[in-house]
Amino acid sequence: LIPLALRGVRVQAASAAHLLRRNLLIYGVGGIVVPFVGIKLIDML
């Protein structure tokens, strides 16, 4: 995530509600799914 922190999340021309829904979908759901996948792959390795 270092490159994302340095570059920043690009803001699309949309309402605040749309941006909130988009971020919850990408970073909220992604934050739940990614650890399950990542930890399992590392465990197997």
ModelCIF file with pLDDT and N, C-alpha, C, O atoms, coordinates in Angstrom:
data_MODEL
#
_entry.id   MODEL 
#
_entity.id                         1 
_entity.type                       polymer 
_entity.pdbx_number_of_molecules   1 
#
_entity_poly.entity_id                      1 
_entity_poly.type                           'polypeptide(L)' 
_entity_poly.nstd_linkage                   no 
_entity_poly.nstd_monomer                   no 
_entity_poly.pdbx_seq_one_letter_code       LIPLALRGVRVQAASAAHLLRRNLLIYGVGGIVVPFVGIKLIDML 
_entity_poly.pdbx_seq_one_letter_code_can   LIPLALRGVRVQAASAAHLLRRNLLIYGVGGIVVPFVGIKLIDML 
_entity_poly.pdbx_strand_id                 A 
#
loop_
_entity_poly_seq.entity_id 
_entity_poly_seq.num 
_entity_poly_seq.mon_id 
_entity_poly_seq.hetero 
1 1  LEU n 
1 2  ILE n 
1 3  PRO n 
1 4  LEU n 
1 5  ALA n 
1 6  LEU n 
1 7  ARG n 
1 8  GLY n 
1 9  VAL n 
1 10 ARG n 
1 11 VAL n 
1 12 GLN n 
1 13 ALA n 
1 14 ALA n 
1 15 SER n 
1 16 ALA n 
1 17 ALA n 
1 18 HIS n 
1 19 LEU n 
1 20 LEU n 
1 21 ARG n 
1 22 ARG n 
1 23 ASN n 
1 24 LEU n 
1 25 LEU n 
1 26 ILE n 
1 27 TYR n 
1 28 GLY n 
1 29 VAL n 
1 30 GLY n 
1 31 GLY n 
1 32 ILE n 
1 33 VAL n 
1 34 VAL n 
1 35 PRO n 
1 36 PHE n 
1 37 VAL n 
1 38 GLY n 
1 39 ILE n 
1 40 LYS n 
1 41 LEU n 
1 42 ILE n 
1 43 ASP n 
1 44 MET n 
1 45 LEU n 
#
_struct_asym.id          A 
_struct_asym.entity_id   1 
#
loop_
_ma_qa_metric.id 
_ma_qa_metric.mode 
_ma_qa_metric.name 
_ma_qa_metric.software_group_id 
_ma_qa_metric.type 
1 global pLDDT . pLDDT 
2 local  pLDDT . pLDDT 
#
_ma_qa_metric_global.metric_id      1 
_ma_qa_metric_global.metric_value   82.84 
_ma_qa_metric_global.model_id       1 
_ma_qa_metric_global.ordinal_id     1 
#
loop_
_ma_qa_metric_local.label_asym_id 
_ma_qa_metric_local.label_comp_id 
_ma_qa_metric_local.label_seq_id 
_ma_qa_metric_local.metric_id 
_ma_qa_metric_local.metric_value 
_ma_qa_metric_local.model_id 
_ma_qa_metric_local.ordinal_id 
A LEU 1  2 88.00 1 1  
A ILE 2  2 83.00 1 2  
A PRO 3  2 85.00 1 3  
A LEU 4  2 86.00 1 4  
A ALA 5  2 83.00 1 5  
A LEU 6  2 80.00 1 6  
A ARG 7  2 83.00 1 7  
A GLY 8  2 81.00 1 8  
A VAL 9  2 83.00 1 9  
A ARG 10 2 79.00 1 10 
A VAL 11 2 75.00 1 11 
A GLN 12 2 68.00 1 12 
A ALA 13 2 64.00 1 13 
A ALA 14 2 63.00 1 14 
A SER 15 2 64.00 1 15 
A ALA 16 2 65.00 1 16 
A ALA 17 2 73.00 1 17 
A HIS 18 2 75.00 1 18 
A LEU 19 2 74.00 1 19 
A LEU 20 2 76.00 1 20 
A ARG 21 2 81.00 1 21 
A ARG 22 2 82.00 1 22 
A ASN 23 2 80.00 1 23 
A LEU 24 2 83.00 1 24 
A LEU 25 2 86.00 1 25 
A ILE 26 2 87.00 1 26 
A TYR 27 2 89.00 1 27 
A GLY 28 2 88.00 1 28 
A VAL 29 2 88.00 1 29 
A GLY 30 2 87.00 1 30 
A GLY 31 2 87.00 1 31 
A ILE 32 2 88.00 1 32 
A VAL 33 2 89.00 1 33 
A VAL 34 2 90.00 1 34 
A PRO 35 2 89.00 1 35 
A PHE 36 2 88.00 1 36 
A VAL 37 2 90.00 1 37 
A GLY 38 2 91.00 1 38 
A ILE 39 2 90.00 1 39 
A LYS 40 2 90.00 1 40 
A LEU 41 2 92.00 1 41 
A ILE 42 2 92.00 1 42 
A ASP 43 2 89.00 1 43 
A MET 44 2 92.00 1 44 
A LEU 45 2 92.00 1 45 
#
loop_
_atom_site.group_PDB 
_atom_site.id 
_atom_site.type_symbol 
_atom_site.label_atom_id 
_atom_site.label_alt_id 
_atom_site.label_comp_id 
_atom_site.label_asym_id 
_atom_site.label_entity_id 
_atom_site.label_seq_id 
_atom_site.pdbx_PDB_ins_code 
_atom_site.Cartn_x 
_atom_site.Cartn_y 
_atom_site.Cartn_z 
_atom_site.occupancy 
_atom_site.B_iso_or_equiv 
_atom_site.pdbx_formal_charge 
_atom_site.auth_seq_id 
_atom_site.auth_comp_id 
_atom_site.auth_asym_id 
_atom_site.auth_atom_id 
_atom_site.pdbx_PDB_model_num 
ATOM 1   N N  . LEU A 1 1  ? 0.803   -1.229  0.000   1.00 88.00 ? 1  LEU A N  1 
ATOM 2   C CA . LEU A 1 1  ? 0.000   0.000   0.000   1.00 88.00 ? 1  LEU A CA 1 
ATOM 3   C C  . LEU A 1 1  ? 0.836   1.280   0.000   1.00 88.00 ? 1  LEU A C  1 
ATOM 4   O O  . LEU A 1 1  ? 0.279   2.371   -0.113  1.00 88.00 ? 1  LEU A O  1 
ATOM 5   N N  . ILE A 1 2  ? 2.160   1.170   0.124   1.00 83.00 ? 2  ILE A N  1 
ATOM 6   C CA . ILE A 1 2  ? 2.998   2.381   0.119   1.00 83.00 ? 2  ILE A CA 1 
ATOM 7   C C  . ILE A 1 2  ? 2.786   3.223   -1.142  1.00 83.00 ? 2  ILE A C  1 
ATOM 8   O O  . ILE A 1 2  ? 2.595   4.432   -1.019  1.00 83.00 ? 2  ILE A O  1 
ATOM 9   N N  . PRO A 1 3  ? 2.810   2.637   -2.361  1.00 85.00 ? 3  PRO A N  1 
ATOM 10  C CA . PRO A 1 3  ? 2.588   3.474   -3.558  1.00 85.00 ? 3  PRO A CA 1 
ATOM 11  C C  . PRO A 1 3  ? 1.253   4.203   -3.536  1.00 85.00 ? 3  PRO A C  1 
ATOM 12  O O  . PRO A 1 3  ? 1.163   5.354   -3.963  1.00 85.00 ? 3  PRO A O  1 
ATOM 13  N N  . LEU A 1 4  ? 0.205   3.529   -3.033  1.00 86.00 ? 4  LEU A N  1 
ATOM 14  C CA . LEU A 1 4  ? -1.115  4.171   -2.969  1.00 86.00 ? 4  LEU A CA 1 
ATOM 15  C C  . LEU A 1 4  ? -1.094  5.334   -1.985  1.00 86.00 ? 4  LEU A C  1 
ATOM 16  O O  . LEU A 1 4  ? -1.681  6.382   -2.253  1.00 86.00 ? 4  LEU A O  1 
ATOM 17  N N  . ALA A 1 5  ? -0.418  5.157   -0.840  1.00 83.00 ? 5  ALA A N  1 
ATOM 18  C CA . ALA A 1 5  ? -0.337  6.225   0.154   1.00 83.00 ? 5  ALA A CA 1 
ATOM 19  C C  . ALA A 1 5  ? 0.400   7.437   -0.399  1.00 83.00 ? 5  ALA A C  1 
ATOM 20  O O  . ALA A 1 5  ? 0.019   8.575   -0.125  1.00 83.00 ? 5  ALA A O  1 
ATOM 21  N N  . LEU A 1 6  ? 1.454   7.201   -1.176  1.00 80.00 ? 6  LEU A N  1 
ATOM 22  C CA . LEU A 1 6  ? 2.234   8.307   -1.729  1.00 80.00 ? 6  LEU A CA 1 
ATOM 23  C C  . LEU A 1 6  ? 1.528   8.985   -2.893  1.00 80.00 ? 6  LEU A C  1 
ATOM 24  O O  . LEU A 1 6  ? 1.586   10.206  -3.044  1.00 80.00 ? 6  LEU A O  1 
ATOM 25  N N  . ARG A 1 7  ? 0.858   8.180   -3.716  1.00 83.00 ? 7  ARG A N  1 
ATOM 26  C CA . ARG A 1 7  ? 0.185   8.729   -4.896  1.00 83.00 ? 7  ARG A CA 1 
ATOM 27  C C  . ARG A 1 7  ? -1.164  9.336   -4.531  1.00 83.00 ? 7  ARG A C  1 
ATOM 28  O O  . ARG A 1 7  ? -1.552  10.364  -5.084  1.00 83.00 ? 7  ARG A O  1 
ATOM 29  N N  . GLY A 1 8  ? -1.872  8.711   -3.610  1.00 81.00 ? 8  GLY A N  1 
ATOM 30  C CA . GLY A 1 8  ? -3.201  9.170   -3.231  1.00 81.00 ? 8  GLY A CA 1 
ATOM 31  C C  . GLY A 1 8  ? -4.284  8.498   -4.047  1.00 81.00 ? 8  GLY A C  1 
ATOM 32  O O  . GLY A 1 8  ? -4.055  8.079   -5.181  1.00 81.00 ? 8  GLY A O  1 
ATOM 33  N N  . VAL A 1 9  ? -5.457  8.397   -3.464  1.00 83.00 ? 9  VAL A N  1 
ATOM 34  C CA . VAL A 1 9  ? -6.612  7.819   -4.157  1.00 83.00 ? 9  VAL A CA 1 
ATOM 35  C C  . VAL A 1 9  ? -7.207  8.891   -5.053  1.00 83.00 ? 9  VAL A C  1 
ATOM 36  O O  . VAL A 1 9  ? -7.565  9.968   -4.578  1.00 83.00 ? 9  VAL A O  1 
ATOM 37  N N  . ARG A 1 10 ? -7.314  8.612   -6.325  1.00 79.00 ? 10 ARG A N  1 
ATOM 38  C CA . ARG A 1 10 ? -7.856  9.580   -7.275  1.00 79.00 ? 10 ARG A CA 1 
ATOM 39  C C  . ARG A 1 10 ? -9.343  9.807   -6.996  1.00 79.00 ? 10 ARG A C  1 
ATOM 40  O O  . ARG A 1 10 ? -10.108 8.866   -6.783  1.00 79.00 ? 10 ARG A O  1 
ATOM 41  N N  . VAL A 1 11 ? -9.724  11.081  -7.004  1.00 75.00 ? 11 VAL A N  1 
ATOM 42  C CA . VAL A 1 11 ? -11.114 11.448  -6.727  1.00 75.00 ? 11 VAL A CA 1 
ATOM 43  C C  . VAL A 1 11 ? -11.849 11.642  -8.037  1.00 75.00 ? 11 VAL A C  1 
ATOM 44  O O  . VAL A 1 11 ? -11.486 12.506  -8.835  1.00 75.00 ? 11 VAL A O  1 
ATOM 45  N N  . GLN A 1 12 ? -12.865 10.854  -8.261  1.00 68.00 ? 12 GLN A N  1 
ATOM 46  C CA . GLN A 1 12 ? -13.666 10.988  -9.472  1.00 68.00 ? 12 GLN A CA 1 
ATOM 47  C C  . GLN A 1 12 ? -14.724 12.070  -9.283  1.00 68.00 ? 12 GLN A C  1 
ATOM 48  O O  . GLN A 1 12 ? -15.128 12.376  -8.161  1.00 68.00 ? 12 GLN A O  1 
ATOM 49  N N  . ALA A 1 13 ? -15.155 12.632  -10.385 1.00 64.00 ? 13 ALA A N  1 
ATOM 50  C CA . ALA A 1 13 ? -16.207 13.649  -10.346 1.00 64.00 ? 13 ALA A CA 1 
ATOM 51  C C  . ALA A 1 13 ? -17.535 12.967  -10.039 1.00 64.00 ? 13 ALA A C  1 
ATOM 52  O O  . ALA A 1 13 ? -18.220 12.481  -10.938 1.00 64.00 ? 13 ALA A O  1 
ATOM 53  N N  . ALA A 1 14 ? -17.884 12.940  -8.763  1.00 63.00 ? 14 ALA A N  1 
ATOM 54  C CA . ALA A 1 14 ? -19.124 12.292  -8.331  1.00 63.00 ? 14 ALA A CA 1 
ATOM 55  C C  . ALA A 1 14 ? -19.522 12.892  -6.990  1.00 63.00 ? 14 ALA A C  1 
ATOM 56  O O  . ALA A 1 14 ? -18.744 13.613  -6.366  1.00 63.00 ? 14 ALA A O  1 
ATOM 57  N N  . SER A 1 15 ? -20.731 12.591  -6.554  1.00 64.00 ? 15 SER A N  1 
ATOM 58  C CA . SER A 1 15 ? -21.220 13.113  -5.284  1.00 64.00 ? 15 SER A CA 1 
ATOM 59  C C  . SER A 1 15 ? -20.507 12.435  -4.123  1.00 64.00 ? 15 SER A C  1 
ATOM 60  O O  . SER A 1 15 ? -19.882 11.387  -4.287  1.00 64.00 ? 15 SER A O  1 
ATOM 61  N N  . ALA A 1 16 ? -20.612 13.051  -2.943  1.00 65.00 ? 16 ALA A N  1 
ATOM 62  C CA . ALA A 1 16 ? -19.967 12.490  -1.753  1.00 65.00 ? 16 ALA A CA 1 
ATOM 63  C C  . ALA A 1 16 ? -20.546 11.118  -1.423  1.00 65.00 ? 16 ALA A C  1 
ATOM 64  O O  . ALA A 1 16 ? -19.814 10.220  -1.007  1.00 65.00 ? 16 ALA A O  1 
ATOM 65  N N  . ALA A 1 17 ? -21.875 10.948  -1.607  1.00 73.00 ? 17 ALA A N  1 
ATOM 66  C CA . ALA A 1 17 ? -22.507 9.657   -1.318  1.00 73.00 ? 17 ALA A CA 1 
ATOM 67  C C  . ALA A 1 17 ? -21.969 8.571   -2.245  1.00 73.00 ? 17 ALA A C  1 
ATOM 68  O O  . ALA A 1 17 ? -21.728 7.443   -1.814  1.00 73.00 ? 17 ALA A O  1 
ATOM 69  N N  . HIS A 1 18 ? -21.783 8.916   -3.525  1.00 75.00 ? 18 HIS A N  1 
ATOM 70  C CA . HIS A 1 18 ? -21.257 7.935   -4.475  1.00 75.00 ? 18 HIS A CA 1 
ATOM 71  C C  . HIS A 1 18 ? -19.822 7.558   -4.120  1.00 75.00 ? 18 HIS A C  1 
ATOM 72  O O  . HIS A 1 18 ? -19.455 6.385   -4.184  1.00 75.00 ? 18 HIS A O  1 
ATOM 73  N N  . LEU A 1 19 ? -19.000 8.558   -3.740  1.00 74.00 ? 19 LEU A N  1 
ATOM 74  C CA . LEU A 1 19 ? -17.621 8.271   -3.361  1.00 74.00 ? 19 LEU A CA 1 
ATOM 75  C C  . LEU A 1 19 ? -17.568 7.385   -2.129  1.00 74.00 ? 19 LEU A C  1 
ATOM 76  O O  . LEU A 1 19 ? -16.729 6.489   -2.037  1.00 74.00 ? 19 LEU A O  1 
ATOM 77  N N  . LEU A 1 20 ? -18.475 7.638   -1.169  1.00 76.00 ? 20 LEU A N  1 
ATOM 78  C CA . LEU A 1 20 ? -18.515 6.821   0.049   1.00 76.00 ? 20 LEU A CA 1 
ATOM 79  C C  . LEU A 1 20 ? -18.871 5.383   -0.281  1.00 76.00 ? 20 LEU A C  1 
ATOM 80  O O  . LEU A 1 20 ? -18.232 4.455   0.216   1.00 76.00 ? 20 LEU A O  1 
ATOM 81  N N  . ARG A 1 21 ? -19.887 5.187   -1.116  1.00 81.00 ? 21 ARG A N  1 
ATOM 82  C CA . ARG A 1 21 ? -20.286 3.822   -1.501  1.00 81.00 ? 21 ARG A CA 1 
ATOM 83  C C  . ARG A 1 21 ? -19.151 3.120   -2.239  1.00 81.00 ? 21 ARG A C  1 
ATOM 84  O O  . ARG A 1 21 ? -18.890 1.938   -2.015  1.00 81.00 ? 21 ARG A O  1 
ATOM 85  N N  . ARG A 1 22 ? -18.479 3.857   -3.120  1.00 82.00 ? 22 ARG A N  1 
ATOM 86  C CA . ARG A 1 22 ? -17.384 3.270   -3.899  1.00 82.00 ? 22 ARG A CA 1 
ATOM 87  C C  . ARG A 1 22 ? -16.242 2.831   -2.988  1.00 82.00 ? 22 ARG A C  1 
ATOM 88  O O  . ARG A 1 22 ? -15.712 1.730   -3.135  1.00 82.00 ? 22 ARG A O  1 
ATOM 89  N N  . ASN A 1 23 ? -15.865 3.700   -2.044  1.00 80.00 ? 23 ASN A N  1 
ATOM 90  C CA . ASN A 1 23 ? -14.762 3.359   -1.150  1.00 80.00 ? 23 ASN A CA 1 
ATOM 91  C C  . ASN A 1 23 ? -15.113 2.221   -0.205  1.00 80.00 ? 23 ASN A C  1 
ATOM 92  O O  . ASN A 1 23 ? -14.262 1.384   0.097   1.00 80.00 ? 23 ASN A O  1 
ATOM 93  N N  . LEU A 1 24 ? -16.363 2.178   0.267   1.00 83.00 ? 24 LEU A N  1 
ATOM 94  C CA . LEU A 1 24 ? -16.779 1.073   1.130   1.00 83.00 ? 24 LEU A CA 1 
ATOM 95  C C  . LEU A 1 24 ? -16.743 -0.243  0.367   1.00 83.00 ? 24 LEU A C  1 
ATOM 96  O O  . LEU A 1 24 ? -16.373 -1.283  0.912   1.00 83.00 ? 24 LEU A O  1 
ATOM 97  N N  . LEU A 1 25 ? -17.132 -0.181  -0.899  1.00 86.00 ? 25 LEU A N  1 
ATOM 98  C CA . LEU A 1 25 ? -17.144 -1.399  -1.706  1.00 86.00 ? 25 LEU A CA 1 
ATOM 99  C C  . LEU A 1 25 ? -15.726 -1.880  -1.991  1.00 86.00 ? 25 LEU A C  1 
ATOM 100 O O  . LEU A 1 25 ? -15.419 -3.064  -1.851  1.00 86.00 ? 25 LEU A O  1 
ATOM 101 N N  . ILE A 1 26 ? -14.856 -0.934  -2.398  1.00 87.00 ? 26 ILE A N  1 
ATOM 102 C CA . ILE A 1 26 ? -13.496 -1.329  -2.784  1.00 87.00 ? 26 ILE A CA 1 
ATOM 103 C C  . ILE A 1 26 ? -12.626 -1.613  -1.564  1.00 87.00 ? 26 ILE A C  1 
ATOM 104 O O  . ILE A 1 26 ? -12.002 -2.670  -1.473  1.00 87.00 ? 26 ILE A O  1 
ATOM 105 N N  . TYR A 1 27 ? -12.586 -0.661  -0.622  1.00 89.00 ? 27 TYR A N  1 
ATOM 106 C CA . TYR A 1 27 ? -11.648 -0.778  0.494   1.00 89.00 ? 27 TYR A CA 1 
ATOM 107 C C  . TYR A 1 27 ? -12.267 -1.469  1.714   1.00 89.00 ? 27 TYR A C  1 
ATOM 108 O O  . TYR A 1 27 ? -11.551 -2.070  2.514   1.00 89.00 ? 27 TYR A O  1 
ATOM 109 N N  . GLY A 1 28 ? -13.581 -1.387  1.856   1.00 88.00 ? 28 GLY A N  1 
ATOM 110 C CA . GLY A 1 28 ? -14.224 -2.081  2.964   1.00 88.00 ? 28 GLY A CA 1 
ATOM 111 C C  . GLY A 1 28 ? -14.334 -3.574  2.693   1.00 88.00 ? 28 GLY A C  1 
ATOM 112 O O  . GLY A 1 28 ? -13.826 -4.398  3.454   1.00 88.00 ? 28 GLY A O  1 
ATOM 113 N N  . VAL A 1 29 ? -15.006 -3.905  1.596   1.00 88.00 ? 29 VAL A N  1 
ATOM 114 C CA . VAL A 1 29 ? -15.144 -5.320  1.225   1.00 88.00 ? 29 VAL A CA 1 
ATOM 115 C C  . VAL A 1 29 ? -13.766 -5.909  0.902   1.00 88.00 ? 29 VAL A C  1 
ATOM 116 O O  . VAL A 1 29 ? -13.462 -7.043  1.272   1.00 88.00 ? 29 VAL A O  1 
ATOM 117 N N  . GLY A 1 30 ? -12.938 -5.119  0.206   1.00 87.00 ? 30 GLY A N  1 
ATOM 118 C CA . GLY A 1 30 ? -11.585 -5.593  -0.105  1.00 87.00 ? 30 GLY A CA 1 
ATOM 119 C C  . GLY A 1 30 ? -10.778 -5.860  1.146   1.00 87.00 ? 30 GLY A C  1 
ATOM 120 O O  . GLY A 1 30 ? -10.009 -6.820  1.199   1.00 87.00 ? 30 GLY A O  1 
ATOM 121 N N  . GLY A 1 31 ? -10.949 -5.005  2.171   1.00 87.00 ? 31 GLY A N  1 
ATOM 122 C CA . GLY A 1 31 ? -10.228 -5.186  3.422   1.00 87.00 ? 31 GLY A CA 1 
ATOM 123 C C  . GLY A 1 31 ? -10.640 -6.437  4.161   1.00 87.00 ? 31 GLY A C  1 
ATOM 124 O O  . GLY A 1 31 ? -9.871  -6.962  4.967   1.00 87.00 ? 31 GLY A O  1 
ATOM 125 N N  . ILE A 1 32 ? -11.838 -6.925  3.903   1.00 88.00 ? 32 ILE A N  1 
ATOM 126 C CA . ILE A 1 32 ? -12.303 -8.168  4.534   1.00 88.00 ? 32 ILE A CA 1 
ATOM 127 C C  . ILE A 1 32 ? -11.843 -9.385  3.739   1.00 88.00 ? 32 ILE A C  1 
ATOM 128 O O  . ILE A 1 32 ? -11.427 -10.391 4.315   1.00 88.00 ? 32 ILE A O  1 
ATOM 129 N N  . VAL A 1 33 ? -11.918 -9.291  2.420   1.00 89.00 ? 33 VAL A N  1 
ATOM 130 C CA . VAL A 1 33 ? -11.611 -10.447 1.567   1.00 89.00 ? 33 VAL A CA 1 
ATOM 131 C C  . VAL A 1 33 ? -10.112 -10.701 1.459   1.00 89.00 ? 33 VAL A C  1 
ATOM 132 O O  . VAL A 1 33 ? -9.670  -11.847 1.544   1.00 89.00 ? 33 VAL A O  1 
ATOM 133 N N  . VAL A 1 34 ? -9.328  -9.639  1.273   1.00 90.00 ? 34 VAL A N  1 
ATOM 134 C CA . VAL A 1 34 ? -7.888  -9.794  1.019   1.00 90.00 ? 34 VAL A CA 1 
ATOM 135 C C  . VAL A 1 34 ? -7.166  -10.564 2.127   1.00 90.00 ? 34 VAL A C  1 
ATOM 136 O O  . VAL A 1 34 ? -6.361  -11.438 1.806   1.00 90.00 ? 34 VAL A O  1 
ATOM 137 N N  . PRO A 1 35 ? -7.412  -10.287 3.427   1.00 89.00 ? 35 PRO A N  1 
ATOM 138 C CA . PRO A 1 35 ? -6.698  -11.050 4.459   1.00 89.00 ? 35 PRO A CA 1 
ATOM 139 C C  . PRO A 1 35 ? -6.978  -12.555 4.409   1.00 89.00 ? 35 PRO A C  1 
ATOM 140 O O  . PRO A 1 35 ? -6.070  -13.361 4.613   1.00 89.00 ? 35 PRO A O  1 
ATOM 141 N N  . PHE A 1 36 ? -8.236  -12.935 4.138   1.00 88.00 ? 36 PHE A N  1 
ATOM 142 C CA . PHE A 1 36 ? -8.552  -14.365 4.064   1.00 88.00 ? 36 PHE A CA 1 
ATOM 143 C C  . PHE A 1 36 ? -7.723  -15.029 2.967   1.00 88.00 ? 36 PHE A C  1 
ATOM 144 O O  . PHE A 1 36 ? -7.140  -16.093 3.173   1.00 88.00 ? 36 PHE A O  1 
ATOM 145 N N  . VAL A 1 37 ? -7.680  -14.389 1.804   1.00 90.00 ? 37 VAL A N  1 
ATOM 146 C CA . VAL A 1 37 ? -6.934  -14.955 0.676   1.00 90.00 ? 37 VAL A CA 1 
ATOM 147 C C  . VAL A 1 37 ? -5.438  -14.923 0.958   1.00 90.00 ? 37 VAL A C  1 
ATOM 148 O O  . VAL A 1 37 ? -4.739  -15.918 0.767   1.00 90.00 ? 37 VAL A O  1 
ATOM 149 N N  . GLY A 1 38 ? -4.947  -13.751 1.422   1.00 91.00 ? 38 GLY A N  1 
ATOM 150 C CA . GLY A 1 38 ? -3.515  -13.591 1.646   1.00 91.00 ? 38 GLY A CA 1 
ATOM 151 C C  . GLY A 1 38 ? -2.984  -14.511 2.720   1.00 91.00 ? 38 GLY A C  1 
ATOM 152 O O  . GLY A 1 38 ? -1.951  -15.153 2.525   1.00 91.00 ? 38 GLY A O  1 
ATOM 153 N N  . ILE A 1 39 ? -3.664  -14.591 3.854   1.00 90.00 ? 39 ILE A N  1 
ATOM 154 C CA . ILE A 1 39 ? -3.193  -15.439 4.957   1.00 90.00 ? 39 ILE A CA 1 
ATOM 155 C C  . ILE A 1 39 ? -3.205  -16.908 4.556   1.00 90.00 ? 39 ILE A C  1 
ATOM 156 O O  . ILE A 1 39 ? -2.297  -17.658 4.913   1.00 90.00 ? 39 ILE A O  1 
ATOM 157 N N  . LYS A 1 40 ? -4.226  -17.319 3.817   1.00 90.00 ? 40 LYS A N  1 
ATOM 158 C CA . LYS A 1 40 ? -4.288  -18.727 3.389   1.00 90.00 ? 40 LYS A CA 1 
ATOM 159 C C  . LYS A 1 40 ? -3.117  -19.054 2.451   1.00 90.00 ? 40 LYS A C  1 
ATOM 160 O O  . LYS A 1 40 ? -2.483  -20.100 2.590   1.00 90.00 ? 40 LYS A O  1 
ATOM 161 N N  . LEU A 1 41 ? -2.831  -18.153 1.493   1.00 92.00 ? 41 LEU A N  1 
ATOM 162 C CA . LEU A 1 41 ? -1.720  -18.409 0.568   1.00 92.00 ? 41 LEU A CA 1 
ATOM 163 C C  . LEU A 1 41 ? -0.385  -18.454 1.305   1.00 92.00 ? 41 LEU A C  1 
ATOM 164 O O  . LEU A 1 41 ? 0.457   -19.306 1.020   1.00 92.00 ? 41 LEU A O  1 
ATOM 165 N N  . ILE A 1 42 ? -0.193  -17.537 2.252   1.00 92.00 ? 42 ILE A N  1 
ATOM 166 C CA . ILE A 1 42 ? 1.052   -17.526 3.019   1.00 92.00 ? 42 ILE A CA 1 
ATOM 167 C C  . ILE A 1 42 ? 1.162   -18.778 3.881   1.00 92.00 ? 42 ILE A C  1 
ATOM 168 O O  . ILE A 1 42 ? 2.242   -19.353 4.019   1.00 92.00 ? 42 ILE A O  1 
ATOM 169 N N  . ASP A 1 43 ? 0.029   -19.201 4.464   1.00 89.00 ? 43 ASP A N  1 
ATOM 170 C CA . ASP A 1 43 ? 0.017   -20.429 5.277   1.00 89.00 ? 43 ASP A CA 1 
ATOM 171 C C  . ASP A 1 43 ? 0.438   -21.636 4.441   1.00 89.00 ? 43 ASP A C  1 
ATOM 172 O O  . ASP A 1 43 ? 1.222   -22.470 4.893   1.00 89.00 ? 43 ASP A O  1 
ATOM 173 N N  . MET A 1 44 ? -0.081  -21.720 3.236   1.00 92.00 ? 44 MET A N  1 
ATOM 174 C CA . MET A 1 44 ? 0.282   -22.841 2.358   1.00 92.00 ? 44 MET A CA 1 
ATOM 175 C C  . MET A 1 44 ? 1.768   -22.792 2.002   1.00 92.00 ? 44 MET A C  1 
ATOM 176 O O  . MET A 1 44 ? 2.433   -23.827 1.948   1.00 92.00 ? 44 MET A O  1 
ATOM 177 N N  . LEU A 1 45 ? 2.291   -21.574 1.759   1.00 92.00 ? 45 LEU A N  1 
ATOM 178 C CA . LEU A 1 45 ? 3.701   -21.428 1.403   1.00 92.00 ? 45 LEU A CA 1 
ATOM 179 C C  . LEU A 1 45 ? 4.608   -21.787 2.574   1.00 92.00 ? 45 LEU A C  1 
ATOM 180 O O  . LEU A 1 45 ? 5.831   -21.720 2.451   1.00 92.00 ? 45 LEU A O  1 
#
